[in-house]
Each structure stands twice: as C-alpha cells, then as structure tokens.
PDB file of N, CA and C in Angstrom:
ATOM      1  N   MET A   1     -98.931 -24.306-138.297  1.00  0.00           N
ATOM      2  CA  MET A   1    -100.239 -24.754-137.872  1.00  0.00           C
ATOM      3  C   MET A   1    -101.250 -24.555-138.996  1.00  0.00           C
ATOM      4  N   SER A   2    -101.116 -23.433-139.687  1.00  0.00           N
ATOM      5  CA  SER A   2    -102.044 -23.129-140.761  1.00  0.00           C
ATOM      6  C   SER A   2    -102.012 -24.217-141.829  1.00  0.00           C
ATOM      7  N   GLU A   3    -100.804 -24.594-142.246  1.00  0.00           N
ATOM      8  CA  GLU A   3    -100.670 -25.635-143.271  1.00  0.00           C
ATOM      9  C   GLU A   3    -101.088 -27.001-142.735  1.00  0.00           C
ATOM     10  N   LYS A   4    -100.641 -27.305-141.513  1.00  0.00           N
ATOM     11  CA  LYS A   4    -100.914 -28.618-140.932  1.00  0.00           C
ATOM     12  C   LYS A   4    -102.415 -28.856-140.769  1.00  0.00           C
ATOM     13  N   GLU A   5    -103.118 -27.841-140.263  1.00  0.00           N
ATOM     14  CA  GLU A   5    -104.561 -27.997-140.023  1.00  0.00           C
ATOM     15  C   GLU A   5    -105.417 -27.506-141.182  1.00  0.00           C
ATOM     16  N   LYS A   6    -104.729 -27.008-142.226  1.00  0.00           N
ATOM     17  CA  LYS A   6    -105.414 -26.503-143.416  1.00  0.00           C
ATOM     18  C   LYS A   6    -106.475 -25.455-143.060  1.00  0.00           C
ATOM     19  N   ILE A   7    -106.011 -24.454-142.293  1.00  0.00           N
ATOM     20  CA  ILE A   7    -106.880 -23.334-141.913  1.00  0.00           C
ATOM     21  C   ILE A   7    -106.182 -22.034-142.295  1.00  0.00           C
ATOM     22  N   PRO A   8    -106.929 -20.940-142.419  1.00  0.00           N
ATOM     23  CA  PRO A   8    -106.305 -19.657-142.751  1.00  0.00           C
ATOM     24  C   PRO A   8    -105.315 -19.222-141.668  1.00  0.00           C
ATOM     25  N   VAL A   9    -104.303 -18.453-142.076  1.00  0.00           N
ATOM     26  CA  VAL A   9    -103.260 -17.998-141.152  1.00  0.00           C
ATOM     27  C   VAL A   9    -103.868 -17.217-139.984  1.00  0.00           C
ATOM     28  N   GLY A  10    -104.830 -16.356-140.265  1.00  0.00           N
ATOM     29  CA  GLY A  10    -105.473 -15.579-139.214  1.00  0.00           C
ATOM     30  C   GLY A  10    -106.124 -16.448-138.156  1.00  0.00           C
ATOM     31  N   GLU A  11    -106.778 -17.506-138.617  1.00  0.00           N
ATOM     32  CA  GLU A  11    -107.420 -18.431-137.677  1.00  0.00           C
ATOM     33  C   GLU A  11    -106.374 -19.172-136.844  1.00  0.00           C
ATOM     34  N   ALA A  12    -105.259 -19.544-137.479  1.00  0.00           N
ATOM     35  CA  ALA A  12    -104.175 -20.226-136.757  1.00  0.00           C
ATOM     36  C   ALA A  12    -103.590 -19.301-135.690  1.00  0.00           C
ATOM     37  N   LEU A  13    -103.401 -18.037-136.031  1.00  0.00           N
ATOM     38  CA  LEU A  13    -102.874 -17.073-135.054  1.00  0.00           C
ATOM     39  C   LEU A  13    -103.816 -16.916-133.867  1.00  0.00           C
ATOM     40  N   GLU A  14    -105.114 -16.877-134.137  1.00  0.00           N
ATOM     41  CA  GLU A  14    -106.089 -16.772-133.059  1.00  0.00           C
ATOM     42  C   GLU A  14    -106.018 -17.991-132.138  1.00  0.00           C
ATOM     43  N   LYS A  15    -105.877 -19.183-132.719  1.00  0.00           N
ATOM     44  CA  LYS A  15    -105.777 -20.402-131.916  1.00  0.00           C
ATOM     45  C   LYS A  15    -104.531 -20.373-131.038  1.00  0.00           C
ATOM     46  N   ILE A  16    -103.430 -19.913-131.618  1.00  0.00           N
ATOM     47  CA  ILE A  16    -102.171 -19.837-130.866  1.00  0.00           C
ATOM     48  C   ILE A  16    -102.312 -18.849-129.709  1.00  0.00           C
ATOM     49  N   GLU A  17    -102.897 -17.692-129.973  1.00  0.00           N
ATOM     50  CA  GLU A  17    -103.085 -16.686-128.926  1.00  0.00           C
ATOM     51  C   GLU A  17    -103.977 -17.219-127.807  1.00  0.00           C
ATOM     52  N   MET A  18    -105.037 -17.926-128.170  1.00  0.00           N
ATOM     53  CA  MET A  18    -105.934 -18.492-127.160  1.00  0.00           C
ATOM     54  C   MET A  18    -105.205 -19.535-126.315  1.00  0.00           C
ATOM     55  N   LYS A  19    -104.384 -20.362-126.958  1.00  0.00           N
ATOM     56  CA  LYS A  19    -103.637 -21.384-126.226  1.00  0.00           C
ATOM     57  C   LYS A  19    -102.661 -20.731-125.253  1.00  0.00           C
ATOM     58  N   GLU A  20    -101.997 -19.648-125.686  1.00  0.00           N
ATOM     59  CA  GLU A  20    -101.069 -18.944-124.800  1.00  0.00           C
ATOM     60  C   GLU A  20    -101.790 -18.359-123.596  1.00  0.00           C
ATOM     61  N   ILE A  21    -102.968 -17.797-123.824  1.00  0.00           N
ATOM     62  CA  ILE A  21    -103.756 -17.233-122.724  1.00  0.00           C
ATOM     63  C   ILE A  21    -104.158 -18.336-121.744  1.00  0.00           C
ATOM     64  N   GLU A  22    -104.569 -19.487-122.265  1.00  0.00           N
ATOM     65  CA  GLU A  22    -104.945 -20.618-121.409  1.00  0.00           C
ATOM     66  C   GLU A  22    -103.753 -21.106-120.591  1.00  0.00           C
ATOM     67  N   GLN A  23    -102.571 -21.180-121.215  1.00  0.00           N
ATOM     68  CA  GLN A  23    -101.372 -21.608-120.500  1.00  0.00           C
ATOM     69  C   GLN A  23    -101.011 -20.615-119.400  1.00  0.00           C
ATOM     70  N   GLU A  24    -101.108 -19.331-119.720  1.00  0.00           N
ATOM     71  CA  GLU A  24    -100.806 -18.297-118.727  1.00  0.00           C
ATOM     72  C   GLU A  24    -101.733 -18.436-117.520  1.00  0.00           C
ATOM     73  N   LYS A  25    -103.024 -18.590-117.759  1.00  0.00           N
ATOM     74  CA  LYS A  25    -103.989 -18.746-116.671  1.00  0.00           C
ATOM     75  C   LYS A  25    -103.719 -20.013-115.870  1.00  0.00           C
ATOM     76  N   SER A  26    -103.394 -21.092-116.579  1.00  0.00           N
ATOM     77  CA  SER A  26    -103.140 -22.372-115.920  1.00  0.00           C
ATOM     78  C   SER A  26    -101.947 -22.276-114.978  1.00  0.00           C
ATOM     79  N   PHE A  27    -100.839 -21.690-115.427  1.00  0.00           N
ATOM     80  CA  PHE A  27     -99.664 -21.564-114.571  1.00  0.00           C
ATOM     81  C   PHE A  27     -99.947 -20.665-113.378  1.00  0.00           C
ATOM     82  N   LEU A  28    -100.710 -19.600-113.598  1.00  0.00           N
ATOM     83  CA  LEU A  28    -101.033 -18.694-112.504  1.00  0.00           C
ATOM     84  C   LEU A  28    -101.939 -19.388-111.486  1.00  0.00           C
ATOM     85  N   ASN A  29    -102.959 -20.088-111.971  1.00  0.00           N
ATOM     86  CA  ASN A  29    -103.892 -20.767-111.066  1.00  0.00           C
ATOM     87  C   ASN A  29    -103.266 -21.966-110.360  1.00  0.00           C
ATOM     88  N   ASN A  30    -102.515 -22.781-111.085  1.00  0.00           N
ATOM     89  CA  ASN A  30    -101.965 -24.017-110.535  1.00  0.00           C
ATOM     90  C   ASN A  30    -100.691 -23.826-109.720  1.00  0.00           C
ATOM     91  N   TYR A  31     -99.846 -22.889-110.141  1.00  0.00           N
ATOM     92  CA  TYR A  31     -98.534 -22.739-109.505  1.00  0.00           C
ATOM     93  C   TYR A  31     -98.274 -21.355-108.920  1.00  0.00           C
ATOM     94  N   GLY A  32     -99.179 -20.412-109.163  1.00  0.00           N
ATOM     95  CA  GLY A  32     -98.967 -19.052-108.686  1.00  0.00           C
ATOM     96  C   GLY A  32     -97.841 -18.347-109.411  1.00  0.00           C
ATOM     97  N   ILE A  33     -97.569 -18.771-110.657  1.00  0.00           N
ATOM     98  CA  ILE A  33     -96.463 -18.204-111.429  1.00  0.00           C
ATOM     99  C   ILE A  33     -97.003 -17.435-112.620  1.00  0.00           C
ATOM    100  N   ASN A  34     -96.560 -16.183-112.730  1.00  0.00           N
ATOM    101  CA  ASN A  34     -96.831 -15.392-113.922  1.00  0.00           C
ATOM    102  C   ASN A  34     -95.715 -15.716-114.906  1.00  0.00           C
ATOM    103  N   ILE A  35     -96.025 -16.425-115.992  1.00  0.00           N
ATOM    104  CA  ILE A  35     -94.991 -16.886-116.911  1.00  0.00           C
ATOM    105  C   ILE A  35     -94.277 -15.744-117.621  1.00  0.00           C
ATOM    106  N   TYR A  36     -94.831 -14.553-117.563  1.00  0.00           N
ATOM    107  CA  TYR A  36     -94.190 -13.407-118.211  1.00  0.00           C
ATOM    108  C   TYR A  36     -93.318 -12.611-117.249  1.00  0.00           C
ATOM    109  N   ASP A  37     -93.295 -12.985-115.982  1.00  0.00           N
ATOM    110  CA  ASP A  37     -92.417 -12.352-115.002  1.00  0.00           C
ATOM    111  C   ASP A  37     -91.089 -13.104-115.021  1.00  0.00           C
ATOM    112  N   LEU A  38     -90.132 -12.593-115.780  1.00  0.00           N
ATOM    113  CA  LEU A  38     -88.874 -13.298-115.994  1.00  0.00           C
ATOM    114  C   LEU A  38     -87.998 -13.364-114.749  1.00  0.00           C
ATOM    115  N   GLN A  39     -88.344 -12.642-113.700  1.00  0.00           N
ATOM    116  CA  GLN A  39     -87.544 -12.647-112.475  1.00  0.00           C
ATOM    117  C   GLN A  39     -87.637 -13.982-111.731  1.00  0.00           C
ATOM    118  N   VAL A  40     -88.621 -14.796-112.030  1.00  0.00           N
ATOM    119  CA  VAL A  40     -88.776 -16.068-111.320  1.00  0.00           C
ATOM    120  C   VAL A  40     -87.918 -17.179-111.918  1.00  0.00           C
ATOM    121  N   TYR A  41     -87.267 -16.903-113.039  1.00  0.00           N
ATOM    122  CA  TYR A  41     -86.462 -17.918-113.711  1.00  0.00           C
ATOM    123  C   TYR A  41     -84.979 -17.683-113.466  1.00  0.00           C
ATOM    124  N   ASP A  42     -84.210 -18.761-113.405  1.00  0.00           N
ATOM    125  CA  ASP A  42     -82.762 -18.662-113.272  1.00  0.00           C
ATOM    126  C   ASP A  42     -82.105 -18.366-114.612  1.00  0.00           C
ATOM    127  N   LEU A  43     -82.675 -18.870-115.676  1.00  0.00           N
ATOM    128  CA  LEU A  43     -82.092 -18.704-117.008  1.00  0.00           C
ATOM    129  C   LEU A  43     -83.219 -18.538-118.019  1.00  0.00           C
ATOM    130  N   VAL A  44     -83.104 -17.499-118.837  1.00  0.00           N
ATOM    131  CA  VAL A  44     -84.072 -17.251-119.893  1.00  0.00           C
ATOM    132  C   VAL A  44     -83.306 -17.176-121.202  1.00  0.00           C
ATOM    133  N   ILE A  45     -83.709 -17.969-122.186  1.00  0.00           N
ATOM    134  CA  ILE A  45     -83.036 -17.993-123.481  1.00  0.00           C
ATOM    135  C   ILE A  45     -84.051 -17.720-124.576  1.00  0.00           C
ATOM    136  N   ASN A  46     -83.784 -16.703-125.379  1.00  0.00           N
ATOM    137  CA  ASN A  46     -84.606 -16.444-126.551  1.00  0.00           C
ATOM    138  C   ASN A  46     -84.105 -17.367-127.654  1.00  0.00           C
ATOM    139  N   THR A  47     -84.901 -18.338-128.014  1.00  0.00           N
ATOM    140  CA  THR A  47     -84.485 -19.364-128.971  1.00  0.00           C
ATOM    141  C   THR A  47     -84.901 -19.055-130.406  1.00  0.00           C
ATOM    142  N   ASP A  48     -85.454 -17.870-130.629  1.00  0.00           N
ATOM    143  CA  ASP A  48     -85.963 -17.531-131.960  1.00  0.00           C
ATOM    144  C   ASP A  48     -84.927 -17.712-133.069  1.00  0.00           C
ATOM    145  N   LYS A  49     -83.685 -17.323-132.805  1.00  0.00           N
ATOM    146  CA  LYS A  49     -82.668 -17.346-133.865  1.00  0.00           C
ATOM    147  C   LYS A  49     -81.535 -18.326-133.564  1.00  0.00           C
ATOM    148  N   LEU A  50     -81.776 -19.276-132.679  1.00  0.00           N
ATOM    149  CA  LEU A  50     -80.739 -20.223-132.294  1.00  0.00           C
ATOM    150  C   LEU A  50     -81.105 -21.630-132.727  1.00  0.00           C
ATOM    151  N   ASP A  51     -80.083 -22.387-133.099  1.00  0.00           N
ATOM    152  CA  ASP A  51     -80.329 -23.795-133.391  1.00  0.00           C
ATOM    153  C   ASP A  51     -80.145 -24.613-132.113  1.00  0.00           C
ATOM    154  N   GLN A  52     -80.449 -25.880-132.191  1.00  0.00           N
ATOM    155  CA  GLN A  52     -80.427 -26.744-131.014  1.00  0.00           C
ATOM    156  C   GLN A  52     -79.047 -26.777-130.357  1.00  0.00           C
ATOM    157  N   ASP A  53     -77.993 -26.876-131.149  1.00  0.00           N
ATOM    158  CA  ASP A  53     -76.646 -26.952-130.584  1.00  0.00           C
ATOM    159  C   ASP A  53     -76.265 -25.673-129.842  1.00  0.00           C
ATOM    160  N   SER A  54     -76.671 -24.531-130.368  1.00  0.00           N
ATOM    161  CA  SER A  54     -76.392 -23.256-129.702  1.00  0.00           C
ATOM    162  C   SER A  54     -77.102 -23.162-128.367  1.00  0.00           C
ATOM    163  N   ILE A  55     -78.333 -23.615-128.333  1.00  0.00           N
ATOM    164  CA  ILE A  55     -79.113 -23.588-127.094  1.00  0.00           C
ATOM    165  C   ILE A  55     -78.463 -24.494-126.048  1.00  0.00           C
ATOM    166  N   ILE A  56     -78.093 -25.690-126.474  1.00  0.00           N
ATOM    167  CA  ILE A  56     -77.435 -26.624-125.558  1.00  0.00           C
ATOM    168  C   ILE A  56     -76.133 -26.031-125.046  1.00  0.00           C
ATOM    169  N   GLY A  57     -75.374 -25.379-125.925  1.00  0.00           N
ATOM    170  CA  GLY A  57     -74.121 -24.744-125.526  1.00  0.00           C
ATOM    171  C   GLY A  57     -74.333 -23.661-124.477  1.00  0.00           C
ATOM    172  N   LEU A  58     -75.353 -22.845-124.654  1.00  0.00           N
ATOM    173  CA  LEU A  58     -75.650 -21.798-123.673  1.00  0.00           C
ATOM    174  C   LEU A  58     -76.023 -22.399-122.316  1.00  0.00           C
ATOM    175  N   ILE A  59     -76.817 -23.443-122.343  1.00  0.00           N
ATOM    176  CA  ILE A  59     -77.223 -24.090-121.092  1.00  0.00           C
ATOM    177  C   ILE A  59     -76.014 -24.700-120.389  1.00  0.00           C
ATOM    178  N   LYS A  60     -75.155 -25.356-121.153  1.00  0.00           N
ATOM    179  CA  LYS A  60     -73.948 -25.951-120.570  1.00  0.00           C
ATOM    180  C   LYS A  60     -73.061 -24.876-119.936  1.00  0.00           C
ATOM    181  N   LYS A  61     -72.851 -23.759-120.646  1.00  0.00           N
ATOM    182  CA  LYS A  61     -72.028 -22.669-120.098  1.00  0.00           C
ATOM    183  C   LYS A  61     -72.627 -22.129-118.802  1.00  0.00           C
ATOM    184  N   TYR A  62     -73.933 -21.978-118.789  1.00  0.00           N
ATOM    185  CA  TYR A  62     -74.602 -21.478-117.592  1.00  0.00           C
ATOM    186  C   TYR A  62     -74.411 -22.444-116.424  1.00  0.00           C
ATOM    187  N   LEU A  63     -74.618 -23.735-116.683  1.00  0.00           N
ATOM    188  CA  LEU A  63     -74.481 -24.728-115.625  1.00  0.00           C
ATOM    189  C   LEU A  63     -73.048 -24.830-115.121  1.00  0.00           C
ATOM    190  N   GLU A  64     -72.079 -24.723-116.020  1.00  0.00           N
ATOM    191  CA  GLU A  64     -70.673 -24.739-115.614  1.00  0.00           C
ATOM    192  C   GLU A  64     -70.361 -23.547-114.717  1.00  0.00           C
ATOM    193  N   LYS A  65     -70.873 -22.384-115.093  1.00  0.00           N
ATOM    194  CA  LYS A  65     -70.655 -21.174-114.282  1.00  0.00           C
ATOM    195  C   LYS A  65     -71.292 -21.334-112.915  1.00  0.00           C
ATOM    196  N   MET A  66     -72.515 -21.861-112.868  1.00  0.00           N
ATOM    197  CA  MET A  66     -73.200 -22.038-111.597  1.00  0.00           C
ATOM    198  C   MET A  66     -72.482 -23.074-110.722  1.00  0.00           C
ATOM    199  N   HIS A  67     -71.911 -24.089-111.337  1.00  0.00           N
ATOM    200  CA  HIS A  67     -71.211 -25.134-110.593  1.00  0.00           C
ATOM    201  C   HIS A  67     -69.942 -24.583-109.948  1.00  0.00           C
ATOM    202  N   LYS A  68     -69.282 -23.624-110.600  1.00  0.00           N
ATOM    203  CA  LYS A  68     -68.044 -23.037-110.075  1.00  0.00           C
ATOM    204  C   LYS A  68     -68.310 -22.119-108.891  1.00  0.00           C
ATOM    205  N   GLU A  69     -69.492 -21.532-108.854  1.00  0.00           N
ATOM    206  CA  GLU A  69     -69.805 -20.559-107.795  1.00  0.00           C
ATOM    207  C   GLU A  69     -70.200 -21.231-106.511  1.00  0.00           C
TER     208      GLU A  69
END
C-alpha cells in the first residue's frame, strides 16, 4: 500500500488498522459477528505462509472429510 499510494509506511499501517477496525464494527453491527471469535467459523486457515495451491488443497481435504461424516 505504501508503494502503491506513495505514502510513508507508518501512514499505510495506520490506514490498514483503521480499515480493519471499520470492518470489525461493520460485521458486528450488520451480522452480530465478532470476526475475531474463531468459534463461529467451521474452518480457519492462516494463509500467511501458504501459496494458493496449498490453501486450495487444505480446503479440499476439509470438504472431503466433512462429506464423509
């Protein structure tokens, strides 16, 4: 974001944090969901260190397991 918008890194981080806060409030107000309460989700994947194919593979394995049960 910093490079794309040609703004300092600190300013980009502040914008990202503000957007996350707005999204959190929006989900809570509109859907009654706390996005940080992971108990409401069936599957949570940390994608920080995964490529697209790995993520798809994890989702497929999960769905196959759920289909068998």
